[in-house]
Amino acid sequence: MGSPANVPLEKLQSLVEELTGSSAPLAVSEMPGGASTRRFFRLALDGGKSAVAMYVPEAGKPDEIAKVEESGRRWPFLEVRDLLEARGVCVPRVLGDGSEDGFVVVEDLGDDTLARYLERAPHRREAVYRLAVGDLARAQRALESLPKGCIVTERAFDYDLLRWEVDHFREWALEARGVVLTADERATFDRAAHALASIIADLPRGFVHRDYQSRNLMVLGPEGKERLVWIDFQDALLGPRVYDLVALLNDSYQTFDDAFVSARLDEFAAHHGLDAGARAAVGREFDLVTVQRKLKDAGRFVYILHKKGDDAYLKFVAPTIEKARKALGRLQDERALSELSALIDRVVVRVKS
């Protein structure tokens, strides 16, 4: 059954035997993964059926960014999945729980992420993004109250996390690529990072998927009757209402014009029954979070190269920074952010690699 390095497939074999009652050798093929250490395997089952196994080698260790200790409780994936399902969000069905060995087996949803679906059906882009915005707004309303002790309530985009992420940009997207900031430039960056983290941390908080973008939404159903299934939600936490909108509409893997984004923000406001003033507030929050999120993403893409030897994300660094620069252009009334805009304009041309 093949032996991918550092994956205890004998444990997965035992789990599948429990699920199916069959002791046939496990037929498994590794699927493309993302930027995390999680690995995914498609399992061929009897009768032409299939399932997907997720392997989490670091299960139970503190989250690197959110600093939450997960040992002694259910996997966040399982806990958040059950919460979402209970509140009417479409999520994968769990077929087998082998989390004590690092595995969970879920239904096979196919290969059509939203990103892949649009490669062959680009004419459906507006329709499926309207669907994604509507699903998000409905989920936010359904998740306004959360169970006591829920893992989501124990993690948040607070000042420390937001600031850490902005500093991730300086450390990796700039310094790791040869940009040496002067003392004045470092002070400018620090003022802007403090302003961003402070403003966003003070926004009202609600449920946030944390990575609600085209590679984490599965598309099921025929054209005209698509439905979306959420995946990769295990890092859900509390944060601003626009965070998932930013992940979706300023996705590093997609490009939209301003009119497309504005129309989706209008739809989001309409779903929540917001008036013109509140819609304007959504737009400003969207720009603020875009700067923070996109700077973090750019740094993360370079970090992945240096720490994991994976250069697949480097091509997204420049367009991701450009998304942040566009948003900064609409935030010139914030002095610290106006200074940050000028700083980025100066220093990105000094990048060496």
Protein backbone atom coordinates (compact mmCIF):
# COMPACT_ATOMS: atom_id res chain seq x y z
CA MET A 1 0.00 0.00 0.00
CA GLY A 2 2.94 2.33 -0.40
CA SER A 3 4.76 4.01 2.44
CA PRO A 4 4.85 7.82 2.38
CA ALA A 5 7.64 9.02 4.61
CA ASN A 6 6.83 9.61 8.29
CA VAL A 7 3.19 8.58 7.95
CA PRO A 8 2.02 5.60 10.08
CA LEU A 9 -0.15 4.02 7.40
CA GLU A 10 -0.53 0.86 9.45
CA LYS A 11 -2.66 2.93 11.84
CA LEU A 12 -4.75 4.14 8.93
CA GLN A 13 -5.10 0.55 7.72
CA SER A 14 -6.53 -0.44 11.10
CA LEU A 15 -8.95 2.48 11.07
CA VAL A 16 -10.22 1.63 7.59
CA GLU A 17 -10.64 -2.01 8.61
CA GLU A 18 -12.85 -0.86 11.49
CA LEU A 19 -14.92 1.27 9.11
CA THR A 20 -15.34 -1.24 6.30
CA GLY A 21 -14.89 -4.64 7.90
CA SER A 22 -12.45 -5.46 5.13
CA SER A 23 -8.85 -6.49 5.72
CA ALA A 24 -7.85 -5.94 2.09
CA PRO A 25 -4.57 -4.04 1.64
CA LEU A 26 -5.12 -0.32 1.75
CA ALA A 27 -5.08 1.42 -1.63
CA VAL A 28 -3.94 4.96 -0.94
CA SER A 29 -2.68 7.86 -3.05
CA GLU A 30 -1.38 11.13 -1.65
CA MET A 31 -3.29 14.25 -2.65
CA PRO A 32 -1.88 17.74 -3.16
CA GLY A 33 -1.67 19.60 0.11
CA GLY A 34 -1.40 23.23 1.09
CA ALA A 35 1.07 25.25 3.08
CA SER A 36 0.51 23.42 6.37
CA THR A 37 2.09 20.17 7.57
CA ARG A 38 -1.23 18.35 7.19
CA ARG A 39 -1.21 15.61 4.56
CA PHE A 40 -4.13 14.16 2.66
CA PHE A 41 -4.67 10.73 1.14
CA ARG A 42 -7.41 9.39 -1.12
CA LEU A 43 -8.48 5.92 -0.11
CA ALA A 44 -9.95 3.45 -2.61
CA LEU A 45 -12.66 1.43 -0.87
CA ASP A 46 -14.67 -1.60 -1.92
CA GLY A 47 -17.41 -1.10 -4.47
CA GLY A 48 -15.64 1.72 -6.29
CA LYS A 49 -16.12 4.09 -3.36
CA SER A 50 -13.49 6.41 -1.97
CA ALA A 51 -12.76 8.52 1.09
CA VAL A 52 -10.15 11.03 2.16
CA ALA A 53 -7.81 10.66 5.13
CA MET A 54 -6.25 13.69 6.76
CA TYR A 55 -3.03 13.15 8.71
CA VAL A 56 -1.97 15.74 11.27
CA PRO A 57 1.55 15.01 12.53
CA GLU A 58 1.56 17.90 15.01
CA ALA A 59 -1.82 17.08 16.60
CA GLY A 60 -1.94 18.13 20.23
CA LYS A 61 0.96 20.58 20.03
CA PRO A 62 0.41 24.28 20.74
CA ASP A 63 -0.65 26.28 17.69
CA GLU A 64 2.44 28.13 16.42
CA ILE A 65 0.58 31.38 15.91
CA ALA A 66 -2.42 31.40 18.22
CA LYS A 67 -0.44 29.70 21.04
CA VAL A 68 -3.36 27.50 22.07
CA GLU A 69 -2.61 24.15 23.69
CA GLU A 70 -4.82 21.49 22.10
CA SER A 71 -3.80 18.41 24.08
CA GLY A 72 -6.46 16.87 26.24
CA ARG A 73 -9.36 17.97 24.06
CA ARG A 74 -10.96 16.92 20.79
CA TRP A 75 -9.22 17.90 17.61
CA PRO A 76 -10.24 21.44 16.63
CA PHE A 77 -11.13 20.07 13.19
CA LEU A 78 -13.72 17.75 14.71
CA GLU A 79 -14.99 20.28 17.24
CA VAL A 80 -15.39 23.09 14.72
CA ARG A 81 -16.85 20.74 12.12
CA ASP A 82 -19.60 19.65 14.50
CA LEU A 83 -20.33 23.25 15.44
CA LEU A 84 -20.62 24.33 11.82
CA GLU A 85 -22.83 21.40 10.89
CA ALA A 86 -25.11 22.11 13.84
CA ARG A 87 -25.49 25.70 12.64
CA GLY A 88 -26.38 24.76 9.07
CA VAL A 89 -22.99 25.13 7.34
CA CYS A 90 -22.09 22.49 4.75
CA VAL A 91 -19.00 20.58 5.91
CA PRO A 92 -17.56 17.13 5.11
CA ARG A 93 -19.05 14.10 6.84
CA VAL A 94 -16.68 12.30 9.19
CA LEU A 95 -16.46 8.59 8.45
CA GLY A 96 -13.83 7.60 10.97
CA ASP A 97 -12.07 9.20 13.93
CA GLY A 98 -8.52 7.97 14.43
CA SER A 99 -7.31 11.21 15.92
CA GLU A 100 -5.37 9.43 18.66
CA ASP A 101 -3.10 8.23 15.84
CA GLY A 102 -3.20 11.49 13.88
CA PHE A 103 -5.90 10.52 11.35
CA VAL A 104 -9.46 11.42 10.51
CA VAL A 105 -11.32 9.96 7.53
CA VAL A 106 -13.95 12.07 5.79
CA GLU A 107 -16.16 11.77 2.76
CA ASP A 108 -14.51 12.34 -0.60
CA LEU A 109 -15.79 15.62 -2.02
CA GLY A 110 -13.84 15.29 -5.26
CA ASP A 111 -11.19 17.66 -6.54
CA ASP A 112 -13.25 20.75 -7.36
CA THR A 113 -12.08 23.46 -5.03
CA LEU A 114 -13.57 26.79 -6.01
CA ALA A 115 -10.21 27.70 -7.57
CA ARG A 116 -10.12 24.57 -9.72
CA TYR A 117 -13.81 24.80 -10.62
CA LEU A 118 -13.32 28.30 -12.01
CA GLU A 119 -10.49 27.11 -14.24
CA ARG A 120 -12.99 25.18 -16.31
CA ALA A 121 -16.10 27.28 -15.64
CA PRO A 122 -14.90 30.90 -15.47
CA HIS A 123 -18.33 32.09 -16.61
CA ARG A 124 -19.70 30.93 -13.25
CA ARG A 125 -17.37 33.17 -11.24
CA GLU A 126 -19.87 35.82 -10.20
CA ALA A 127 -22.54 33.27 -9.37
CA VAL A 128 -20.35 31.16 -7.11
CA TYR A 129 -18.82 34.16 -5.38
CA ARG A 130 -22.29 35.53 -4.69
CA LEU A 131 -23.04 32.13 -3.22
CA ALA A 132 -19.87 32.23 -1.09
CA VAL A 133 -20.72 35.69 0.27
CA GLY A 134 -24.26 34.62 1.06
CA ASP A 135 -23.10 31.44 2.79
CA LEU A 136 -20.65 33.44 4.88
CA ALA A 137 -23.24 36.01 5.94
CA ARG A 138 -25.73 33.29 6.92
CA ALA A 139 -23.06 31.42 8.86
CA GLN A 140 -22.09 34.58 10.74
CA ARG A 141 -25.67 35.11 11.85
CA ALA A 142 -26.03 31.46 12.84
CA LEU A 143 -22.79 31.62 14.83
CA GLU A 144 -23.47 34.86 16.71
CA SER A 145 -23.68 32.84 19.92
CA LEU A 146 -21.13 30.11 20.57
CA PRO A 147 -21.13 27.24 23.08
CA LYS A 148 -19.32 27.81 26.36
CA GLY A 149 -15.83 26.35 26.21
CA CYS A 150 -15.82 26.11 22.42
CA ILE A 151 -12.29 26.21 20.99
CA VAL A 152 -13.33 29.15 18.79
CA THR A 153 -13.96 31.30 21.87
CA GLU A 154 -10.49 30.54 23.22
CA ARG A 155 -8.64 31.98 20.22
CA ALA A 156 -8.90 35.49 18.83
CA PHE A 157 -7.34 38.07 16.58
CA ASP A 158 -6.14 40.12 19.51
CA TYR A 159 -3.41 42.76 19.38
CA ASP A 160 -0.57 40.30 19.94
CA LEU A 161 -1.59 37.95 17.14
CA LEU A 162 -2.32 40.75 14.67
CA ARG A 163 0.98 42.45 15.44
CA TRP A 164 2.88 39.16 15.17
CA GLU A 165 1.42 38.66 11.70
CA VAL A 166 2.34 42.15 10.48
CA ASP A 167 5.87 41.70 11.82
CA HIS A 168 5.95 38.43 9.86
CA PHE A 169 5.93 40.58 6.71
CA ARG A 170 8.89 42.66 7.85
CA GLU A 171 10.86 39.60 8.94
CA TRP A 172 10.27 37.43 5.88
CA ALA A 173 8.99 39.44 2.91
CA LEU A 174 11.57 42.18 3.51
CA GLU A 175 14.50 41.26 5.75
CA ALA A 176 14.79 37.63 4.64
CA ARG A 177 14.95 38.88 1.06
CA GLY A 178 17.77 41.31 1.66
CA VAL A 179 15.97 44.52 2.65
CA VAL A 180 17.76 46.23 5.54
CA LEU A 181 15.53 48.87 7.12
CA THR A 182 17.13 52.01 8.49
CA ALA A 183 16.32 53.04 12.06
CA ASP A 184 13.80 55.58 10.75
CA GLU A 185 12.21 53.04 8.43
CA ARG A 186 11.95 50.50 11.24
CA ALA A 187 10.27 53.13 13.44
CA THR A 188 7.83 53.93 10.62
CA PHE A 189 7.00 50.27 10.17
CA ASP A 190 6.53 49.76 13.90
CA ARG A 191 4.13 52.72 14.16
CA ALA A 192 2.06 51.35 11.30
CA ALA A 193 2.08 47.81 12.68
CA HIS A 194 0.95 49.13 16.06
CA ALA A 195 -1.82 51.20 14.45
CA LEU A 196 -3.09 48.30 12.33
CA ALA A 197 -3.08 45.81 15.18
CA SER A 198 -4.72 48.27 17.58
CA ILE A 199 -7.51 49.35 15.23
CA ILE A 200 -8.38 45.83 14.09
CA ALA A 201 -8.17 44.36 17.59
CA ASP A 202 -10.78 46.89 18.73
CA LEU A 203 -13.33 45.87 16.08
CA PRO A 204 -16.27 43.75 17.26
CA ARG A 205 -15.48 40.04 17.09
CA GLY A 206 -17.40 37.07 15.78
CA PHE A 207 -16.74 33.66 14.24
CA VAL A 208 -13.93 33.68 11.66
CA HIS A 209 -13.02 30.70 9.48
CA ARG A 210 -9.55 32.28 9.12
CA ASP A 211 -8.82 31.05 5.58
CA TYR A 212 -12.11 31.34 3.67
CA GLN A 213 -10.67 31.40 0.15
CA SER A 214 -10.87 29.64 -3.18
CA ARG A 215 -8.73 26.67 -2.18
CA ASN A 216 -10.79 25.98 0.95
CA LEU A 217 -14.25 25.87 -0.57
CA MET A 218 -15.35 22.75 -2.42
CA VAL A 219 -17.89 23.08 -5.23
CA LEU A 220 -20.50 20.34 -5.55
CA GLY A 221 -23.40 20.02 -7.97
CA PRO A 222 -23.94 20.94 -11.63
CA GLU A 223 -23.69 24.41 -13.13
CA GLY A 224 -26.54 26.58 -11.96
CA LYS A 225 -27.09 24.41 -8.88
CA GLU A 226 -23.71 24.65 -7.21
CA ARG A 227 -23.31 24.40 -3.47
CA LEU A 228 -20.22 25.09 -1.44
CA VAL A 229 -18.71 22.92 1.29
CA TRP A 230 -16.32 24.46 3.79
CA ILE A 231 -12.98 22.77 4.54
CA ASP A 232 -9.79 23.70 6.43
CA PHE A 233 -11.75 25.35 9.23
CA GLN A 234 -9.80 23.89 12.17
CA ASP A 235 -8.10 27.23 12.90
CA ALA A 236 -11.39 29.11 13.39
CA LEU A 237 -11.28 31.88 15.99
CA LEU A 238 -12.88 35.19 16.95
CA GLY A 239 -12.17 38.21 14.80
CA PRO A 240 -13.64 41.06 12.74
CA ARG A 241 -16.71 40.46 10.58
CA VAL A 242 -14.84 41.29 7.37
CA TYR A 243 -11.86 38.98 7.91
CA ASP A 244 -13.29 36.09 5.89
CA LEU A 245 -14.50 38.53 3.24
CA VAL A 246 -10.93 39.74 2.84
CA ALA A 247 -9.67 36.17 2.55
CA LEU A 248 -12.32 35.51 -0.12
CA LEU A 249 -12.27 38.71 -2.15
CA ASN A 250 -8.59 39.57 -1.80
CA ASP A 251 -7.56 35.95 -2.20
CA SER A 252 -3.87 35.76 -3.14
CA TYR A 253 -4.74 33.09 -5.72
CA GLN A 254 -7.42 35.08 -7.55
CA THR A 255 -7.70 38.52 -9.14
CA PHE A 256 -10.82 40.70 -9.12
CA ASP A 257 -11.41 44.25 -10.22
CA ASP A 258 -12.69 46.89 -7.82
CA ALA A 259 -16.22 46.74 -9.19
CA PHE A 260 -16.46 42.99 -8.55
CA VAL A 261 -15.27 43.37 -4.96
CA SER A 262 -17.53 46.35 -4.29
CA ALA A 263 -20.56 44.45 -5.58
CA ARG A 264 -19.82 41.53 -3.26
CA LEU A 265 -19.45 43.91 -0.30
CA ASP A 266 -22.82 45.41 -1.22
CA GLU A 267 -24.30 41.91 -1.16
CA PHE A 268 -22.73 41.18 2.22
CA ALA A 269 -24.21 44.39 3.62
CA ALA A 270 -27.61 43.52 2.16
CA HIS A 271 -27.53 40.03 3.72
CA HIS A 272 -26.94 41.66 7.10
CA GLY A 273 -29.51 44.42 6.52
CA LEU A 274 -26.94 47.22 6.83
CA ASP A 275 -27.74 50.81 5.87
CA ALA A 276 -25.49 53.06 3.76
CA GLY A 277 -23.44 54.24 6.72
CA ALA A 278 -22.83 50.73 7.97
CA ARG A 279 -21.95 49.62 4.43
CA ALA A 280 -19.31 52.35 4.30
CA ALA A 281 -17.92 51.10 7.60
CA VAL A 282 -17.68 47.60 6.13
CA GLY A 283 -15.62 49.00 3.27
CA ARG A 284 -13.17 50.72 5.57
CA GLU A 285 -12.82 47.68 7.79
CA PHE A 286 -12.26 45.62 4.64
CA ASP A 287 -9.35 47.85 3.59
CA LEU A 288 -7.78 47.80 7.07
CA VAL A 289 -7.94 44.04 7.34
CA THR A 290 -6.73 43.68 3.74
CA VAL A 291 -3.51 45.50 4.62
CA GLN A 292 -2.93 43.34 7.69
CA ARG A 293 -3.88 40.03 6.06
CA LYS A 294 -2.04 40.56 2.80
CA LEU A 295 1.17 41.69 4.46
CA LYS A 296 1.04 38.58 6.63
CA ASP A 297 0.37 36.39 3.59
CA ALA A 298 3.32 37.83 1.68
CA GLY A 299 5.60 37.12 4.61
CA ARG A 300 4.18 33.63 5.02
CA PHE A 301 4.86 32.74 1.39
CA VAL A 302 8.56 33.54 1.85
CA TYR A 303 8.62 31.80 5.24
CA ILE A 304 7.37 28.61 3.57
CA LEU A 305 10.34 28.72 1.20
CA HIS A 306 12.90 29.25 3.94
CA LYS A 307 11.44 26.84 6.48
CA LYS A 308 9.96 24.13 4.25
CA GLY A 309 11.91 24.48 1.02
CA ASP A 310 8.71 25.02 -0.98
CA ASP A 311 8.94 27.79 -3.57
CA ALA A 312 5.45 27.25 -5.03
CA TYR A 313 4.08 30.33 -3.25
CA LEU A 314 6.77 32.83 -4.23
CA LYS A 315 4.90 33.82 -7.39
CA PHE A 316 2.10 35.16 -5.20
CA VAL A 317 4.28 37.48 -3.12
CA ALA A 318 4.31 40.49 -5.47
CA PRO A 319 0.57 40.45 -6.31
CA THR A 320 -0.24 39.95 -2.63
CA ILE A 321 1.79 43.00 -1.65
CA GLU A 322 0.06 44.92 -4.43
CA LYS A 323 -3.34 44.14 -2.89
CA ALA A 324 -2.11 45.64 0.38
CA ARG A 325 -0.76 48.71 -1.45
CA LYS A 326 -4.11 49.31 -3.16
CA ALA A 327 -5.92 49.17 0.17
CA LEU A 328 -3.36 51.50 1.74
CA GLY A 329 -4.12 53.98 -1.03
CA ARG A 330 -7.65 54.26 0.37
CA LEU A 331 -6.43 54.75 3.95
CA GLN A 332 -4.33 57.87 3.54
CA ASP A 333 -6.22 59.68 6.31
CA GLU A 334 -4.49 57.38 8.82
CA ARG A 335 -1.06 58.99 9.15
CA ALA A 336 0.75 55.82 10.21
CA LEU A 337 -0.72 53.92 7.25
CA SER A 338 0.07 56.73 4.83
CA GLU A 339 3.67 56.49 6.02
CA LEU A 340 3.57 52.71 5.63
CA SER A 341 2.33 53.09 2.06
CA ALA A 342 5.28 55.33 1.21
CA LEU A 343 7.69 52.99 2.98
CA ILE A 344 6.52 49.94 1.06
CA ASP A 345 6.78 51.87 -2.20
CA ARG A 346 10.42 52.60 -1.37
CA VAL A 347 11.60 49.30 0.03
CA VAL A 348 10.03 46.68 -2.24
CA VAL A 349 12.36 47.78 -5.04
CA ARG A 350 15.27 46.81 -2.74
CA VAL A 351 14.23 43.18 -2.57
CA LYS A 352 17.11 40.98 -3.77
CA SER A 353 15.44 37.60 -4.12
